[in-house]
Amino acid sequence: MNSIAFDRAATFYDDTRGFPPGVEHDAAATIVRAGNLAATSRLLEVGVGTGRIALPLAKRVGEVYGLDLSRPMMLRLREKQTDEAVYLVQGDATHLPYPDHSFDAVVAVHVFHLIPNWQAVIAELTRVLKPDAPVIHCWSQNDDVFKLLWDAWRSAIPAQEAADVGLRWNNNEGALEDIGWRAGQAQTFNFTYGRSPALFISQLANRIWSQTWRLTDDSLAKGVVAVTALVERNYTHPENEVAVEGQFIAKTYYPPR
């Protein structure tokens, strides 16, 4: 209930989220290392979306089962799929349609912040995992090239509209430990991509990112004005790309004993 579905993003998701196109193969390899996954491993990915992770990951493991609220996102996955063993279900991660002890690992990439009752998802993951099998929680973080722009954006948006609906964006690493899960190893890789301040403003104004979808038109306009003013003060040529240093993180967590 009230989780954020990505129907509206299906056509542009791959080009605008988290890390640039092509990096997904490195992301999949990082997940395999973090979870010590094998060529026979049977995985579940919650929030499978367009298969940006699931498709390259399926080439390195046995099977990937994917669940998502959004049918358009999964139809995009099907358009890209060739021979990868990826099996899809449209459904709610708080009520998983899988038997107990079905999976060798669960993968969750950029998803818990979209689910209000993300703790209920964790309870379901405990049920469908084999004994002492891990959740591989993954997220990306970037350097502070655009930190001032994000700060300007957040300062202009009412707090109740700007807040994540689920897990807070700055608590990715500690959240599962806070509810008793045991942290395992983490694997990372670094990447670089370009983004211009002008594109940043355009993506906000056009509601590309999910955090803009719940804003009123008035709140969105105030945020865009605040960011535009800062860009005009700090960038002589805002249309020029700035190099952004990013990092993809995959960390394993094991159920409480």
C-alpha atoms as a PDB file:
ATOM      1  CA  MET A   1       0.000   0.000   0.000  1.00  0.00           C
ATOM      2  CA  ASN A   2       1.309   3.413  -1.092  1.00  0.00           C
ATOM      3  CA  SER A   3       4.594   2.001  -2.373  1.00  0.00           C
ATOM      4  CA  ILE A   4       5.874   3.906  -5.396  1.00  0.00           C
ATOM      5  CA  ALA A   5       5.317   2.108  -8.701  1.00  0.00           C
ATOM      6  CA  PHE A   6       7.413   3.118 -11.703  1.00  0.00           C
ATOM      7  CA  ASP A   7       4.900   2.764 -14.544  1.00  0.00           C
ATOM      8  CA  ARG A   8       5.599   6.318 -15.732  1.00  0.00           C
ATOM      9  CA  ALA A   9       9.379   5.743 -15.833  1.00  0.00           C
ATOM     10  CA  ALA A  10       9.500   2.606 -17.977  1.00  0.00           C
ATOM     11  CA  THR A  11      10.603   4.387 -21.156  1.00  0.00           C
ATOM     12  CA  PHE A  12      13.396   6.458 -19.573  1.00  0.00           C
ATOM     13  CA  TYR A  13      14.428   4.533 -16.462  1.00  0.00           C
ATOM     14  CA  ASP A  14      17.541   2.842 -17.883  1.00  0.00           C
ATOM     15  CA  ASP A  15      19.035   6.134 -19.046  1.00  0.00           C
ATOM     16  CA  THR A  16      18.398   8.199 -15.932  1.00  0.00           C
ATOM     17  CA  ARG A  17      18.886   6.065 -12.830  1.00  0.00           C
ATOM     18  CA  GLY A  18      21.715   5.469 -10.407  1.00  0.00           C
ATOM     19  CA  PHE A  19      24.559   4.796 -12.779  1.00  0.00           C
ATOM     20  CA  PRO A  20      25.095   5.219 -16.528  1.00  0.00           C
ATOM     21  CA  PRO A  21      24.250   2.574 -19.150  1.00  0.00           C
ATOM     22  CA  GLY A  22      26.877  -0.169 -19.360  1.00  0.00           C
ATOM     23  CA  VAL A  23      27.741  -0.101 -15.676  1.00  0.00           C
ATOM     24  CA  GLU A  24      25.080  -2.729 -14.937  1.00  0.00           C
ATOM     25  CA  HIS A  25      27.491  -5.517 -15.948  1.00  0.00           C
ATOM     26  CA  ASP A  26      29.965  -4.379 -13.307  1.00  0.00           C
ATOM     27  CA  ALA A  27      27.092  -4.084 -10.844  1.00  0.00           C
ATOM     28  CA  ALA A  28      26.074  -7.689 -11.485  1.00  0.00           C
ATOM     29  CA  ALA A  29      29.649  -8.902 -11.019  1.00  0.00           C
ATOM     30  CA  THR A  30      29.868  -6.958  -7.757  1.00  0.00           C
ATOM     31  CA  ILE A  31      26.673  -8.595  -6.476  1.00  0.00           C
ATOM     32  CA  VAL A  32      28.024 -12.055  -7.324  1.00  0.00           C
ATOM     33  CA  ARG A  33      31.214 -11.358  -5.367  1.00  0.00           C
ATOM     34  CA  ALA A  34      29.366  -9.908  -2.378  1.00  0.00           C
ATOM     35  CA  GLY A  35      27.038 -12.888  -2.071  1.00  0.00           C
ATOM     36  CA  ASN A  36      29.572 -15.582  -3.052  1.00  0.00           C
ATOM     37  CA  LEU A  37      27.023 -16.651  -5.633  1.00  0.00           C
ATOM     38  CA  ALA A  38      27.491 -19.692  -7.835  1.00  0.00           C
ATOM     39  CA  ALA A  39      26.494 -20.620 -11.358  1.00  0.00           C
ATOM     40  CA  THR A  40      23.641 -22.658  -9.845  1.00  0.00           C
ATOM     41  CA  SER A  41      22.349 -20.018  -7.408  1.00  0.00           C
ATOM     42  CA  ARG A  42      18.601 -19.327  -7.402  1.00  0.00           C
ATOM     43  CA  LEU A  43      17.911 -15.653  -6.683  1.00  0.00           C
ATOM     44  CA  LEU A  44      14.996 -13.342  -6.077  1.00  0.00           C
ATOM     45  CA  GLU A  45      15.198  -9.661  -6.976  1.00  0.00           C
ATOM     46  CA  VAL A  46      12.550  -7.440  -5.405  1.00  0.00           C
ATOM     47  CA  GLY A  47      11.834  -4.388  -7.517  1.00  0.00           C
ATOM     48  CA  VAL A  48      13.196  -6.063 -10.640  1.00  0.00           C
ATOM     49  CA  GLY A  49      11.990  -3.227 -12.885  1.00  0.00           C
ATOM     50  CA  THR A  50      13.399  -3.197 -16.408  1.00  0.00           C
ATOM     51  CA  GLY A  51      15.903  -5.926 -15.609  1.00  0.00           C
ATOM     52  CA  ARG A  52      18.861  -3.596 -15.543  1.00  0.00           C
ATOM     53  CA  ILE A  53      20.382  -5.772 -12.801  1.00  0.00           C
ATOM     54  CA  ALA A  54      18.518  -9.048 -13.323  1.00  0.00           C
ATOM     55  CA  LEU A  55      19.473  -9.601 -16.960  1.00  0.00           C
ATOM     56  CA  PRO A  56      23.269  -9.354 -16.581  1.00  0.00           C
ATOM     57  CA  LEU A  57      23.042 -11.117 -13.217  1.00  0.00           C
ATOM     58  CA  ALA A  58      21.204 -14.071 -14.778  1.00  0.00           C
ATOM     59  CA  LYS A  59      24.219 -14.733 -17.002  1.00  0.00           C
ATOM     60  CA  ARG A  60      26.290 -15.374 -13.860  1.00  0.00           C
ATOM     61  CA  VAL A  61      23.886 -17.493 -11.766  1.00  0.00           C
ATOM     62  CA  GLY A  62      21.319 -20.227 -12.270  1.00  0.00           C
ATOM     63  CA  GLU A  63      17.949 -18.435 -12.170  1.00  0.00           C
ATOM     64  CA  VAL A  64      16.640 -15.002 -11.244  1.00  0.00           C
ATOM     65  CA  TYR A  65      13.057 -14.562 -10.112  1.00  0.00           C
ATOM     66  CA  GLY A  66      11.882 -10.958 -10.322  1.00  0.00           C
ATOM     67  CA  LEU A  67       8.967  -9.233  -8.631  1.00  0.00           C
ATOM     68  CA  ASP A  68       7.725  -5.698  -9.260  1.00  0.00           C
ATOM     69  CA  LEU A  69       4.594  -3.585  -8.865  1.00  0.00           C
ATOM     70  CA  SER A  70       4.970  -2.154 -12.359  1.00  0.00           C
ATOM     71  CA  ARG A  71       3.882  -4.160 -15.373  1.00  0.00           C
ATOM     72  CA  PRO A  72       5.233  -1.564 -17.882  1.00  0.00           C
ATOM     73  CA  MET A  73       8.678  -1.802 -16.301  1.00  0.00           C
ATOM     74  CA  MET A  74       8.677  -5.589 -16.582  1.00  0.00           C
ATOM     75  CA  LEU A  75       7.426  -5.422 -20.176  1.00  0.00           C
ATOM     76  CA  ARG A  76      10.517  -3.344 -20.897  1.00  0.00           C
ATOM     77  CA  LEU A  77      12.594  -6.155 -19.351  1.00  0.00           C
ATOM     78  CA  ARG A  78      10.910  -8.651 -21.668  1.00  0.00           C
ATOM     79  CA  GLU A  79      11.779  -6.496 -24.691  1.00  0.00           C
ATOM     80  CA  LYS A  80      15.466  -6.660 -23.746  1.00  0.00           C
ATOM     81  CA  GLN A  81      15.549 -10.307 -22.650  1.00  0.00           C
ATOM     82  CA  THR A  82      17.189 -12.895 -24.891  1.00  0.00           C
ATOM     83  CA  ASP A  83      18.056 -16.251 -23.325  1.00  0.00           C
ATOM     84  CA  GLU A  84      18.481 -15.142 -19.699  1.00  0.00           C
ATOM     85  CA  ALA A  85      16.706 -17.291 -17.100  1.00  0.00           C
ATOM     86  CA  VAL A  86      14.607 -14.501 -15.565  1.00  0.00           C
ATOM     87  CA  TYR A  87      11.067 -15.297 -14.363  1.00  0.00           C
ATOM     88  CA  LEU A  88       8.676 -12.475 -13.502  1.00  0.00           C
ATOM     89  CA  VAL A  89       5.706 -11.897 -11.229  1.00  0.00           C
ATOM     90  CA  GLN A  90       3.772  -8.666 -10.766  1.00  0.00           C
ATOM     91  CA  GLY A  91       3.232  -8.355  -7.049  1.00  0.00           C
ATOM     92  CA  ASP A  92       3.763  -6.747  -3.671  1.00  0.00           C
ATOM     93  CA  ALA A  93       7.054  -7.340  -1.862  1.00  0.00           C
ATOM     94  CA  THR A  94       5.270  -7.362   1.503  1.00  0.00           C
ATOM     95  CA  HIS A  95       3.327 -10.475   0.367  1.00  0.00           C
ATOM     96  CA  LEU A  96       5.712 -12.538  -1.719  1.00  0.00           C
ATOM     97  CA  PRO A  97       4.103 -15.283  -3.851  1.00  0.00           C
ATOM     98  CA  TYR A  98       6.880 -17.823  -3.237  1.00  0.00           C
ATOM     99  CA  PRO A  99       7.193 -20.832  -0.928  1.00  0.00           C
ATOM    100  CA  ASP A 100       9.269 -20.806   2.238  1.00  0.00           C
ATOM    101  CA  HIS A 101      13.030 -21.356   1.894  1.00  0.00           C
ATOM    102  CA  SER A 102      13.044 -20.977  -1.909  1.00  0.00           C
ATOM    103  CA  PHE A 103      16.109 -18.835  -2.629  1.00  0.00           C
ATOM    104  CA  ASP A 104      19.865 -18.877  -2.165  1.00  0.00           C
ATOM    105  CA  ALA A 105      19.902 -15.065  -1.928  1.00  0.00           C
ATOM    106  CA  VAL A 106      17.682 -12.026  -2.372  1.00  0.00           C
ATOM    107  CA  VAL A 107      18.883  -8.946  -4.229  1.00  0.00           C
ATOM    108  CA  ALA A 108      17.446  -5.499  -3.463  1.00  0.00           C
ATOM    109  CA  VAL A 109      18.806  -2.559  -5.484  1.00  0.00           C
ATOM    110  CA  HIS A 110      17.562   1.014  -4.884  1.00  0.00           C
ATOM    111  CA  VAL A 111      14.189  -0.215  -3.635  1.00  0.00           C
ATOM    112  CA  PHE A 112      13.634  -0.020   0.139  1.00  0.00           C
ATOM    113  CA  HIS A 113      13.216   3.779   0.078  1.00  0.00           C
ATOM    114  CA  LEU A 114      10.147   3.286  -2.149  1.00  0.00           C
ATOM    115  CA  ILE A 115       8.230   1.010   0.255  1.00  0.00           C
ATOM    116  CA  PRO A 116       6.576   2.559   3.353  1.00  0.00           C
ATOM    117  CA  ASN A 117       6.507  -0.713   5.308  1.00  0.00           C
ATOM    118  CA  TRP A 118       9.924  -1.926   4.190  1.00  0.00           C
ATOM    119  CA  GLN A 119      10.286  -3.851   7.472  1.00  0.00           C
ATOM    120  CA  ALA A 120       7.431  -6.119   6.335  1.00  0.00           C
ATOM    121  CA  VAL A 121       9.419  -6.830   3.181  1.00  0.00           C
ATOM    122  CA  ILE A 122      12.375  -7.901   5.313  1.00  0.00           C
ATOM    123  CA  ALA A 123      10.113 -10.295   7.226  1.00  0.00           C
ATOM    124  CA  GLU A 124       8.979 -11.826   3.931  1.00  0.00           C
ATOM    125  CA  LEU A 125      12.549 -12.123   2.711  1.00  0.00           C
ATOM    126  CA  THR A 126      13.399 -14.031   5.880  1.00  0.00           C
ATOM    127  CA  ARG A 127      10.619 -16.467   5.042  1.00  0.00           C
ATOM    128  CA  VAL A 128      11.560 -17.142   1.412  1.00  0.00           C
ATOM    129  CA  LEU A 129      15.331 -17.375   1.969  1.00  0.00           C
ATOM    130  CA  LYS A 130      16.990 -20.698   2.620  1.00  0.00           C
ATOM    131  CA  PRO A 131      18.435 -20.983   6.160  1.00  0.00           C
ATOM    132  CA  ASP A 132      21.140 -18.378   6.751  1.00  0.00           C
ATOM    133  CA  ALA A 133      21.058 -17.197   3.138  1.00  0.00           C
ATOM    134  CA  PRO A 134      21.707 -13.474   2.584  1.00  0.00           C
ATOM    135  CA  VAL A 135      19.923 -10.399   1.412  1.00  0.00           C
ATOM    136  CA  ILE A 136      22.301  -8.493  -0.864  1.00  0.00           C
ATOM    137  CA  HIS A 137      21.355  -4.861  -0.373  1.00  0.00           C
ATOM    138  CA  CYS A 138      22.720  -2.526  -3.061  1.00  0.00           C
ATOM    139  CA  TRP A 139      22.832   1.211  -3.522  1.00  0.00           C
ATOM    140  CA  SER A 140      24.845   3.885  -5.275  1.00  0.00           C
ATOM    141  CA  GLN A 141      26.449   7.006  -3.920  1.00  0.00           C
ATOM    142  CA  ASN A 142      28.064   9.905  -5.732  1.00  0.00           C
ATOM    143  CA  ASP A 143      30.584  12.539  -4.789  1.00  0.00           C
ATOM    144  CA  ASP A 144      29.492  16.033  -3.824  1.00  0.00           C
ATOM    145  CA  VAL A 145      29.654  17.722  -7.245  1.00  0.00           C
ATOM    146  CA  PHE A 146      25.888  18.281  -7.103  1.00  0.00           C
ATOM    147  CA  LYS A 147      25.523  18.274  -3.321  1.00  0.00           C
ATOM    148  CA  LEU A 148      24.884  22.024  -3.160  1.00  0.00           C
ATOM    149  CA  LEU A 149      22.175  21.690  -5.802  1.00  0.00           C
ATOM    150  CA  TRP A 150      20.462  18.909  -3.878  1.00  0.00           C
ATOM    151  CA  ASP A 151      20.724  20.946  -0.679  1.00  0.00           C
ATOM    152  CA  ALA A 152      19.084  23.908  -2.425  1.00  0.00           C
ATOM    153  CA  TRP A 153      16.349  21.625  -3.743  1.00  0.00           C
ATOM    154  CA  ARG A 154      15.580  20.078  -0.360  1.00  0.00           C
ATOM    155  CA  SER A 155      15.575  23.436   1.400  1.00  0.00           C
ATOM    156  CA  ALA A 156      12.863  24.705  -0.962  1.00  0.00           C
ATOM    157  CA  ILE A 157      10.545  21.677  -0.743  1.00  0.00           C
ATOM    158  CA  PRO A 158       8.158  21.139   2.193  1.00  0.00           C
ATOM    159  CA  ALA A 159       9.631  18.415   4.406  1.00  0.00           C
ATOM    160  CA  GLN A 160       6.489  16.288   4.314  1.00  0.00           C
ATOM    161  CA  GLU A 161       6.603  16.218   0.511  1.00  0.00           C
ATOM    162  CA  ALA A 162      10.363  15.682   0.169  1.00  0.00           C
ATOM    163  CA  ALA A 163      10.717  12.763   2.591  1.00  0.00           C
ATOM    164  CA  ASP A 164      11.279   9.238   1.290  1.00  0.00           C
ATOM    165  CA  VAL A 165       8.219   7.042   1.715  1.00  0.00           C
ATOM    166  CA  GLY A 166      10.305   4.158   3.063  1.00  0.00           C
ATOM    167  CA  LEU A 167      13.888   3.726   4.195  1.00  0.00           C
ATOM    168  CA  ARG A 168      15.677   7.068   4.345  1.00  0.00           C
ATOM    169  CA  TRP A 169      18.258   7.565   1.604  1.00  0.00           C
ATOM    170  CA  ASN A 170      21.050   8.175   4.131  1.00  0.00           C
ATOM    171  CA  ASN A 171      20.439   4.997   6.155  1.00  0.00           C
ATOM    172  CA  ASN A 172      21.101   2.340   3.528  1.00  0.00           C
ATOM    173  CA  GLU A 173      24.036   0.754   5.323  1.00  0.00           C
ATOM    174  CA  GLY A 174      22.749   0.646   8.891  1.00  0.00           C
ATOM    175  CA  ALA A 175      19.042  -0.075   8.504  1.00  0.00           C
ATOM    176  CA  LEU A 176      19.125  -3.876   8.472  1.00  0.00           C
ATOM    177  CA  GLU A 177      21.582  -4.030  11.355  1.00  0.00           C
ATOM    178  CA  ASP A 178      19.246  -1.760  13.315  1.00  0.00           C
ATOM    179  CA  ILE A 179      16.578  -4.472  13.140  1.00  0.00           C
ATOM    180  CA  GLY A 180      18.913  -7.301  14.108  1.00  0.00           C
ATOM    181  CA  TRP A 181      20.365  -8.533  10.838  1.00  0.00           C
ATOM    182  CA  ARG A 182      24.044  -9.486  10.741  1.00  0.00           C
ATOM    183  CA  ALA A 183      26.276  -7.586   8.339  1.00  0.00           C
ATOM    184  CA  GLY A 184      28.493  -9.615   6.033  1.00  0.00           C
ATOM    185  CA  GLN A 185      30.981  -8.491   3.434  1.00  0.00           C
ATOM    186  CA  ALA A 186      30.622  -5.512   1.145  1.00  0.00           C
ATOM    187  CA  GLN A 187      31.890  -5.220  -2.402  1.00  0.00           C
ATOM    188  CA  THR A 188      32.133  -1.971  -4.360  1.00  0.00           C
ATOM    189  CA  PHE A 189      33.206  -0.592  -7.683  1.00  0.00           C
ATOM    190  CA  ASN A 190      33.751   2.974  -8.810  1.00  0.00           C
ATOM    191  CA  PHE A 191      32.554   4.625 -11.997  1.00  0.00           C
ATOM    192  CA  THR A 192      32.523   8.056 -13.612  1.00  0.00           C
ATOM    193  CA  TYR A 193      29.864   9.734 -15.690  1.00  0.00           C
ATOM    194  CA  GLY A 194      29.005  13.214 -16.916  1.00  0.00           C
ATOM    195  CA  ARG A 195      25.997  15.344 -16.057  1.00  0.00           C
ATOM    196  CA  SER A 196      25.434  19.021 -16.715  1.00  0.00           C
ATOM    197  CA  PRO A 197      23.758  21.372 -14.220  1.00  0.00           C
ATOM    198  CA  ALA A 198      21.297  22.273 -16.991  1.00  0.00           C
ATOM    199  CA  LEU A 199      20.309  18.614 -17.365  1.00  0.00           C
ATOM    200  CA  PHE A 200      19.947  18.318 -13.594  1.00  0.00           C
ATOM    201  CA  ILE A 201      17.427  21.184 -13.635  1.00  0.00           C
ATOM    202  CA  SER A 202      15.591  19.697 -16.614  1.00  0.00           C
ATOM    203  CA  GLN A 203      15.279  16.304 -14.927  1.00  0.00           C
ATOM    204  CA  LEU A 204      13.802  17.923 -11.839  1.00  0.00           C
ATOM    205  CA  ALA A 205      11.374  20.055 -13.849  1.00  0.00           C
ATOM    206  CA  ASN A 206      10.239  17.070 -15.924  1.00  0.00           C
ATOM    207  CA  ARG A 207       9.728  14.843 -12.870  1.00  0.00           C
ATOM    208  CA  ILE A 208      12.242  12.234 -13.995  1.00  0.00           C
ATOM    209  CA  TRP A 209      13.082  11.138 -10.438  1.00  0.00           C
ATOM    210  CA  SER A 210      10.563   9.438  -8.171  1.00  0.00           C
ATOM    211  CA  GLN A 211      11.066  11.947  -5.365  1.00  0.00           C
ATOM    212  CA  THR A 212       9.378  14.559  -7.586  1.00  0.00           C
ATOM    213  CA  TRP A 213       6.279  12.519  -8.362  1.00  0.00           C
ATOM    214  CA  ARG A 214       4.398  13.289  -5.164  1.00  0.00           C
ATOM    215  CA  LEU A 215       5.125  17.031  -5.207  1.00  0.00           C
ATOM    216  CA  THR A 216       2.491  19.610  -6.000  1.00  0.00           C
ATOM    217  CA  ASP A 217       3.171  21.762  -9.046  1.00  0.00           C
ATOM    218  CA  ASP A 218       3.799  24.710  -6.721  1.00  0.00           C
ATOM    219  CA  SER A 219       6.372  22.826  -4.630  1.00  0.00           C
ATOM    220  CA  LEU A 220       8.116  21.526  -7.732  1.00  0.00           C
ATOM    221  CA  ALA A 221       8.331  25.028  -9.184  1.00  0.00           C
ATOM    222  CA  LYS A 222       9.826  26.410  -5.956  1.00  0.00           C
ATOM    223  CA  GLY A 223      12.473  23.693  -5.952  1.00  0.00           C
ATOM    224  CA  VAL A 224      13.390  24.312  -9.583  1.00  0.00           C
ATOM    225  CA  VAL A 225      13.646  28.067  -8.975  1.00  0.00           C
ATOM    226  CA  ALA A 226      15.984  27.514  -6.007  1.00  0.00           C
ATOM    227  CA  VAL A 227      18.262  25.172  -7.957  1.00  0.00           C
ATOM    228  CA  THR A 228      18.263  27.406 -11.042  1.00  0.00           C
ATOM    229  CA  ALA A 229      19.307  30.411  -8.976  1.00  0.00           C
ATOM    230  CA  LEU A 230      22.225  28.486  -7.488  1.00  0.00           C
ATOM    231  CA  VAL A 231      23.333  27.210 -10.896  1.00  0.00           C
ATOM    232  CA  GLU A 232      23.258  30.726 -12.330  1.00  0.00           C
ATOM    233  CA  ARG A 233      25.510  31.914  -9.505  1.00  0.00           C
ATOM    234  CA  ASN A 234      28.017  29.056  -9.699  1.00  0.00           C
ATOM    235  CA  TYR A 235      28.237  27.879 -13.322  1.00  0.00           C
ATOM    236  CA  THR A 236      29.245  30.071 -16.228  1.00  0.00           C
ATOM    237  CA  HIS A 237      28.265  27.391 -18.747  1.00  0.00           C
ATOM    238  CA  PRO A 238      25.623  25.193 -17.072  1.00  0.00           C
ATOM    239  CA  GLU A 239      25.121  23.218 -20.263  1.00  0.00           C
ATOM    240  CA  ASN A 240      28.638  21.754 -19.956  1.00  0.00           C
ATOM    241  CA  GLU A 241      28.952  18.346 -18.334  1.00  0.00           C
ATOM    242  CA  VAL A 242      30.652  17.953 -14.978  1.00  0.00           C
ATOM    243  CA  ALA A 243      32.398  14.679 -14.125  1.00  0.00           C
ATOM    244  CA  VAL A 244      30.641  12.805 -11.342  1.00  0.00           C
ATOM    245  CA  GLU A 245      32.468  10.105  -9.398  1.00  0.00           C
ATOM    246  CA  GLY A 246      30.108   7.362  -8.290  1.00  0.00           C
ATOM    247  CA  GLN A 247      30.301   4.129  -6.340  1.00  0.00           C
ATOM    248  CA  PHE A 248      28.068   1.045  -6.460  1.00  0.00           C
ATOM    249  CA  ILE A 249      27.872  -0.840  -3.158  1.00  0.00           C
ATOM    250  CA  ALA A 250      26.617  -4.399  -2.628  1.00  0.00           C
ATOM    251  CA  LYS A 251      26.530  -5.554   0.992  1.00  0.00           C
ATOM    252  CA  THR A 252      25.318  -8.859   2.400  1.00  0.00           C
ATOM    253  CA  TYR A 253      23.106  -9.157   5.456  1.00  0.00           C
ATOM    254  CA  TYR A 254      22.099 -12.370   7.223  1.00  0.00           C
ATOM    255  CA  PRO A 255      18.910 -13.007   9.228  1.00  0.00           C
ATOM    256  CA  PRO A 256      19.038 -12.799  13.022  1.00  0.00           C
ATOM    257  CA  ARG A 257      19.847 -16.074  14.739  1.00  0.00           C
END
